PDB file of all heavy atoms in Angstrom:
ATOM      1  N   SER A   1      17.901  59.699 -39.887  1.00  0.00           N
ATOM      2  CA  SER A   1      16.966  60.792 -39.628  1.00  0.00           C
ATOM      3  C   SER A   1      16.706  60.851 -38.132  1.00  0.00           C
ATOM      4  O   SER A   1      16.400  59.830 -37.516  1.00  0.00           O
ATOM      5  CB  SER A   1      15.634  60.566 -40.350  1.00  0.00           C
ATOM      6  OG  SER A   1      15.833  60.499 -41.737  1.00  0.00           O
ATOM      7  N   LYS A   2      16.826  62.030 -37.555  1.00  0.00           N
ATOM      8  CA  LYS A   2      16.588  62.197 -36.130  1.00  0.00           C
ATOM      9  C   LYS A   2      15.522  63.262 -35.945  1.00  0.00           C
ATOM     10  O   LYS A   2      15.654  64.369 -36.470  1.00  0.00           O
ATOM     11  CB  LYS A   2      17.864  62.587 -35.399  1.00  0.00           C
ATOM     12  CG  LYS A   2      17.648  62.702 -33.918  1.00  0.00           C
ATOM     13  CD  LYS A   2      18.938  62.778 -33.145  1.00  0.00           C
ATOM     14  CE  LYS A   2      18.587  62.908 -31.687  1.00  0.00           C
ATOM     15  NZ  LYS A   2      19.341  62.095 -30.815  1.00  0.00           N
ATOM     16  N   LEU A   3      14.486  62.913 -35.219  1.00  0.00           N
ATOM     17  CA  LEU A   3      13.403  63.843 -34.927  1.00  0.00           C
ATOM     18  C   LEU A   3      13.363  64.078 -33.424  1.00  0.00           C
ATOM     19  O   LEU A   3      13.462  63.125 -32.640  1.00  0.00           O
ATOM     20  CB  LEU A   3      12.062  63.282 -35.400  1.00  0.00           C
ATOM     21  CG  LEU A   3      11.969  62.952 -36.885  1.00  0.00           C
ATOM     22  CD1 LEU A   3      10.662  62.254 -37.187  1.00  0.00           C
ATOM     23  CD2 LEU A   3      12.094  64.217 -37.710  1.00  0.00           C
ATOM     24  N   GLU A   4      13.199  65.329 -33.025  1.00  0.00           N
ATOM     25  CA  GLU A   4      13.141  65.686 -31.614  1.00  0.00           C
ATOM     26  C   GLU A   4      11.967  66.616 -31.375  1.00  0.00           C
ATOM     27  O   GLU A   4      11.648  67.458 -32.219  1.00  0.00           O
ATOM     28  CB  GLU A   4      14.426  66.376 -31.180  1.00  0.00           C
ATOM     29  CG  GLU A   4      15.665  65.526 -31.319  1.00  0.00           C
ATOM     30  CD  GLU A   4      16.934  66.288 -30.971  1.00  0.00           C
ATOM     31  OE1 GLU A   4      16.909  67.537 -30.982  1.00  0.00           O
ATOM     32  OE2 GLU A   4      17.944  65.629 -30.691  1.00  0.00           O
ATOM     33  N   ALA A   5      11.332  66.463 -30.211  1.00  0.00           N
ATOM     34  CA  ALA A   5      10.244  67.349 -29.815  1.00  0.00           C
ATOM     35  C   ALA A   5      10.403  67.644 -28.321  1.00  0.00           C
ATOM     36  O   ALA A   5      10.088  66.809 -27.478  1.00  0.00           O
ATOM     37  CB  ALA A   5       8.889  66.722 -30.101  1.00  0.00           C
ATOM     38  N   ALA A   6      10.933  68.816 -28.008  1.00  0.00           N
ATOM     39  CA  ALA A   6      11.110  69.212 -26.615  1.00  0.00           C
ATOM     40  C   ALA A   6       9.781  69.720 -26.055  1.00  0.00           C
ATOM     41  O   ALA A   6       9.079  70.493 -26.704  1.00  0.00           O
ATOM     42  CB  ALA A   6      12.178  70.295 -26.506  1.00  0.00           C
ATOM     43  N   GLY A   7       9.418  69.265 -24.881  1.00  0.00           N
ATOM     44  CA  GLY A   7       8.187  69.723 -24.243  1.00  0.00           C
ATOM     45  C   GLY A   7       6.926  69.269 -24.954  1.00  0.00           C
ATOM     46  O   GLY A   7       5.908  69.954 -24.926  1.00  0.00           O
ATOM     47  N   ALA A   8       6.982  68.111 -25.583  1.00  0.00           N
ATOM     48  CA  ALA A   8       5.822  67.606 -26.330  1.00  0.00           C
ATOM     49  C   ALA A   8       4.757  67.062 -25.377  1.00  0.00           C
ATOM     50  O   ALA A   8       5.064  66.585 -24.287  1.00  0.00           O
ATOM     51  CB  ALA A   8       6.254  66.496 -27.277  1.00  0.00           C
ATOM     52  N   GLN A   9       3.523  67.140 -25.786  1.00  0.00           N
ATOM     53  CA  GLN A   9       2.437  66.543 -25.020  1.00  0.00           C
ATOM     54  C   GLN A   9       1.967  65.299 -25.751  1.00  0.00           C
ATOM     55  O   GLN A   9       1.789  65.312 -26.969  1.00  0.00           O
ATOM     56  CB  GLN A   9       1.265  67.515 -24.871  1.00  0.00           C
ATOM     57  CG  GLN A   9       1.577  68.686 -23.977  1.00  0.00           C
ATOM     58  CD  GLN A   9       0.353  69.539 -23.757  1.00  0.00           C
ATOM     59  OE1 GLN A   9      -0.419  69.779 -24.685  1.00  0.00           O
ATOM     60  NE2 GLN A   9       0.172  69.989 -22.526  1.00  0.00           N
ATOM     61  N   TYR A  10       1.761  64.227 -25.000  1.00  0.00           N
ATOM     62  CA  TYR A  10       1.275  62.982 -25.580  1.00  0.00           C
ATOM     63  C   TYR A  10       0.436  62.250 -24.549  1.00  0.00           C
ATOM     64  O   TYR A  10       0.527  62.505 -23.348  1.00  0.00           O
ATOM     65  CB  TYR A  10       2.437  62.107 -26.056  1.00  0.00           C
ATOM     66  CG  TYR A  10       3.403  61.704 -24.964  1.00  0.00           C
ATOM     67  CD1 TYR A  10       3.264  60.483 -24.318  1.00  0.00           C
ATOM     68  CD2 TYR A  10       4.444  62.544 -24.595  1.00  0.00           C
ATOM     69  CE1 TYR A  10       4.138  60.113 -23.310  1.00  0.00           C
ATOM     70  CE2 TYR A  10       5.328  62.176 -23.601  1.00  0.00           C
ATOM     71  CZ  TYR A  10       5.164  60.962 -22.959  1.00  0.00           C
ATOM     72  OH  TYR A  10       6.030  60.596 -21.965  1.00  0.00           O
ATOM     73  N   PHE A  11      -0.405  61.329 -25.034  1.00  0.00           N
ATOM     74  CA  PHE A  11      -1.268  60.565 -24.141  1.00  0.00           C
ATOM     75  C   PHE A  11      -0.531  59.326 -23.663  1.00  0.00           C
ATOM     76  O   PHE A  11      -0.066  58.520 -24.459  1.00  0.00           O
ATOM     77  CB  PHE A  11      -2.566  60.159 -24.848  1.00  0.00           C
ATOM     78  CG  PHE A  11      -3.524  59.450 -23.935  1.00  0.00           C
ATOM     79  CD1 PHE A  11      -4.263  60.169 -23.005  1.00  0.00           C
ATOM     80  CD2 PHE A  11      -3.661  58.076 -23.987  1.00  0.00           C
ATOM     81  CE1 PHE A  11      -5.139  59.521 -22.153  1.00  0.00           C
ATOM     82  CE2 PHE A  11      -4.524  57.420 -23.134  1.00  0.00           C
ATOM     83  CZ  PHE A  11      -5.273  58.149 -22.219  1.00  0.00           C
ATOM     84  N   SER A  12      -0.410  59.191 -22.356  1.00  0.00           N
ATOM     85  CA  SER A  12       0.243  58.038 -21.753  1.00  0.00           C
ATOM     86  C   SER A  12      -0.799  56.970 -21.466  1.00  0.00           C
ATOM     87  O   SER A  12      -1.723  57.188 -20.666  1.00  0.00           O
ATOM     88  CB  SER A  12       0.941  58.432 -20.454  1.00  0.00           C
ATOM     89  OG  SER A  12       1.351  57.284 -19.748  1.00  0.00           O
ATOM     90  N   ILE A  13      -0.658  55.821 -22.125  1.00  0.00           N
ATOM     91  CA  ILE A  13      -1.594  54.715 -21.882  1.00  0.00           C
ATOM     92  C   ILE A  13      -1.431  54.198 -20.456  1.00  0.00           C
ATOM     93  O   ILE A  13      -2.399  53.842 -19.797  1.00  0.00           O
ATOM     94  CB  ILE A  13      -1.375  53.586 -22.910  1.00  0.00           C
ATOM     95  CG1 ILE A  13      -1.713  54.095 -24.302  1.00  0.00           C
ATOM     96  CG2 ILE A  13      -2.200  52.362 -22.564  1.00  0.00           C
ATOM     97  CD1 ILE A  13      -1.399  53.128 -25.414  1.00  0.00           C
ATOM     98  N   GLY A  14      -0.200  54.172 -19.943  1.00  0.00           N
ATOM     99  CA  GLY A  14       0.043  53.694 -18.582  1.00  0.00           C
ATOM    100  C   GLY A  14      -0.577  54.586 -17.524  1.00  0.00           C
ATOM    101  O   GLY A  14      -1.108  54.108 -16.518  1.00  0.00           O
ATOM    102  N   ASP A  15      -0.523  55.925 -17.735  1.00  0.00           N
ATOM    103  CA  ASP A  15      -1.059  56.876 -16.759  1.00  0.00           C
ATOM    104  C   ASP A  15      -2.497  57.293 -17.066  1.00  0.00           C
ATOM    105  O   ASP A  15      -3.145  57.929 -16.236  1.00  0.00           O
ATOM    106  CB  ASP A  15      -0.189  58.129 -16.705  1.00  0.00           C
ATOM    107  CG  ASP A  15       1.231  57.841 -16.243  1.00  0.00           C
ATOM    108  OD1 ASP A  15       1.427  56.894 -15.458  1.00  0.00           O
ATOM    109  OD2 ASP A  15       2.148  58.566 -16.681  1.00  0.00           O
ATOM    110  N   LEU A  16      -2.962  56.963 -18.274  1.00  0.00           N
ATOM    111  CA  LEU A  16      -4.297  57.339 -18.743  1.00  0.00           C
ATOM    112  C   LEU A  16      -4.531  58.844 -18.652  1.00  0.00           C
ATOM    113  O   LEU A  16      -5.590  59.313 -18.235  1.00  0.00           O
ATOM    114  CB  LEU A  16      -5.389  56.573 -17.985  1.00  0.00           C
ATOM    115  CG  LEU A  16      -5.383  55.057 -18.200  1.00  0.00           C
ATOM    116  CD1 LEU A  16      -6.453  54.404 -17.346  1.00  0.00           C
ATOM    117  CD2 LEU A  16      -5.581  54.711 -19.669  1.00  0.00           C
ATOM    118  N   LYS A  17      -3.506  59.612 -19.045  1.00  0.00           N
ATOM    119  CA  LYS A  17      -3.646  61.060 -19.069  1.00  0.00           C
ATOM    120  C   LYS A  17      -2.610  61.648 -20.024  1.00  0.00           C
ATOM    121  O   LYS A  17      -1.676  60.967 -20.449  1.00  0.00           O
ATOM    122  CB  LYS A  17      -3.476  61.652 -17.672  1.00  0.00           C
ATOM    123  CG  LYS A  17      -2.094  61.460 -17.088  1.00  0.00           C
ATOM    124  CD  LYS A  17      -1.987  62.093 -15.704  1.00  0.00           C
ATOM    125  CE  LYS A  17      -0.565  61.951 -15.178  1.00  0.00           C
ATOM    126  NZ  LYS A  17      -0.403  62.602 -13.887  1.00  0.00           N
ATOM    127  N   VAL A  18      -2.792  62.912 -20.337  1.00  0.00           N
ATOM    128  CA  VAL A  18      -1.844  63.631 -21.184  1.00  0.00           C
ATOM    129  C   VAL A  18      -0.659  64.040 -20.310  1.00  0.00           C
ATOM    130  O   VAL A  18      -0.838  64.603 -19.222  1.00  0.00           O
ATOM    131  CB  VAL A  18      -2.498  64.868 -21.836  1.00  0.00           C
ATOM    132  CG1 VAL A  18      -1.469  65.676 -22.612  1.00  0.00           C
ATOM    133  CG2 VAL A  18      -3.642  64.447 -22.742  1.00  0.00           C
ATOM    134  N   VAL A  19       0.528  63.738 -20.764  1.00  0.00           N
ATOM    135  CA  VAL A  19       1.748  64.106 -20.039  1.00  0.00           C
ATOM    136  C   VAL A  19       2.653  64.928 -20.960  1.00  0.00           C
ATOM    137  O   VAL A  19       2.489  64.916 -22.179  1.00  0.00           O
ATOM    138  CB  VAL A  19       2.506  62.859 -19.517  1.00  0.00           C
ATOM    139  CG1 VAL A  19       1.692  62.137 -18.470  1.00  0.00           C
ATOM    140  CG2 VAL A  19       2.864  61.922 -20.644  1.00  0.00           C
ATOM    141  N   THR A  20       3.597  65.627 -20.372  1.00  0.00           N
ATOM    142  CA  THR A  20       4.538  66.448 -21.120  1.00  0.00           C
ATOM    143  C   THR A  20       5.938  65.896 -20.928  1.00  0.00           C
ATOM    144  O   THR A  20       6.317  65.528 -19.818  1.00  0.00           O
ATOM    145  CB  THR A  20       4.488  67.911 -20.635  1.00  0.00           C
ATOM    146  OG1 THR A  20       3.165  68.408 -20.799  1.00  0.00           O
ATOM    147  CG2 THR A  20       5.450  68.788 -21.424  1.00  0.00           C
ATOM    148  N   GLY A  21       6.673  65.807 -22.001  1.00  0.00           N
ATOM    149  CA  GLY A  21       8.040  65.316 -21.919  1.00  0.00           C
ATOM    150  C   GLY A  21       8.767  65.531 -23.229  1.00  0.00           C
ATOM    151  O   GLY A  21       8.184  65.951 -24.222  1.00  0.00           O
ATOM    152  N   ASP A  22      10.044  65.254 -23.221  1.00  0.00           N
ATOM    153  CA  ASP A  22      10.854  65.374 -24.432  1.00  0.00           C
ATOM    154  C   ASP A  22      10.819  64.043 -25.184  1.00  0.00           C
ATOM    155  O   ASP A  22      10.975  62.978 -24.579  1.00  0.00           O
ATOM    156  CB  ASP A  22      12.297  65.725 -24.082  1.00  0.00           C
ATOM    157  CG  ASP A  22      12.412  67.092 -23.429  1.00  0.00           C
ATOM    158  OD1 ASP A  22      11.487  67.915 -23.612  1.00  0.00           O
ATOM    159  OD2 ASP A  22      13.422  67.339 -22.751  1.00  0.00           O
ATOM    160  N   LEU A  23      10.592  64.096 -26.491  1.00  0.00           N
ATOM    161  CA  LEU A  23      10.525  62.899 -27.328  1.00  0.00           C
ATOM    162  C   LEU A  23      11.618  62.973 -28.383  1.00  0.00           C
ATOM    163  O   LEU A  23      11.927  64.049 -28.897  1.00  0.00           O
ATOM    164  CB  LEU A  23       9.170  62.795 -28.033  1.00  0.00           C
ATOM    165  CG  LEU A  23       7.926  62.769 -27.148  1.00  0.00           C
ATOM    166  CD1 LEU A  23       6.679  62.803 -28.018  1.00  0.00           C
ATOM    167  CD2 LEU A  23       7.939  61.551 -26.254  1.00  0.00           C
ATOM    168  N   ASP A  24      12.206  61.828 -28.701  1.00  0.00           N
ATOM    169  CA  ASP A  24      13.138  61.770 -29.824  1.00  0.00           C
ATOM    170  C   ASP A  24      13.151  60.363 -30.398  1.00  0.00           C
ATOM    171  O   ASP A  24      12.859  59.396 -29.710  1.00  0.00           O
ATOM    172  CB  ASP A  24      14.552  62.205 -29.422  1.00  0.00           C
ATOM    173  CG  ASP A  24      15.203  61.255 -28.440  1.00  0.00           C
ATOM    174  OD1 ASP A  24      15.671  60.186 -28.869  1.00  0.00           O
ATOM    175  OD2 ASP A  24      15.250  61.589 -27.242  1.00  0.00           O
ATOM    176  N   ILE A  25      13.428  60.292 -31.680  1.00  0.00           N
ATOM    177  CA  ILE A  25      13.543  59.014 -32.370  1.00  0.00           C
ATOM    178  C   ILE A  25      14.617  59.167 -33.452  1.00  0.00           C
ATOM    179  O   ILE A  25      14.732  60.214 -34.083  1.00  0.00           O
ATOM    180  CB  ILE A  25      12.215  58.547 -32.995  1.00  0.00           C
ATOM    181  CG1 ILE A  25      12.371  57.163 -33.605  1.00  0.00           C
ATOM    182  CG2 ILE A  25      11.698  59.547 -34.004  1.00  0.00           C
ATOM    183  CD1 ILE A  25      11.074  56.505 -34.037  1.00  0.00           C
ATOM    184  N   THR A  26      15.391  58.129 -33.614  1.00  0.00           N
ATOM    185  CA  THR A  26      16.403  58.083 -34.669  1.00  0.00           C
ATOM    186  C   THR A  26      16.107  56.876 -35.552  1.00  0.00           C
ATOM    187  O   THR A  26      15.955  55.769 -35.047  1.00  0.00           O
ATOM    188  CB  THR A  26      17.816  57.962 -34.071  1.00  0.00           C
ATOM    189  OG1 THR A  26      18.046  59.085 -33.213  1.00  0.00           O
ATOM    190  CG2 THR A  26      18.869  57.945 -35.161  1.00  0.00           C
ATOM    191  N   VAL A  27      15.992  57.107 -36.843  1.00  0.00           N
ATOM    192  CA  VAL A  27      15.717  56.040 -37.801  1.00  0.00           C
ATOM    193  C   VAL A  27      16.897  55.947 -38.769  1.00  0.00           C
ATOM    194  O   VAL A  27      17.292  56.944 -39.364  1.00  0.00           O
ATOM    195  CB  VAL A  27      14.411  56.299 -38.577  1.00  0.00           C
ATOM    196  CG1 VAL A  27      14.173  55.216 -39.615  1.00  0.00           C
ATOM    197  CG2 VAL A  27      13.234  56.395 -37.629  1.00  0.00           C
TER     198      VAL A  27
END
């Protein structure tokens, strides 16, 4: 199963802010 999210927003613990980027995971 492959999930992709182009231009997703997520909270970065390292930056302590919401960032935008492409996410993907393959299970």
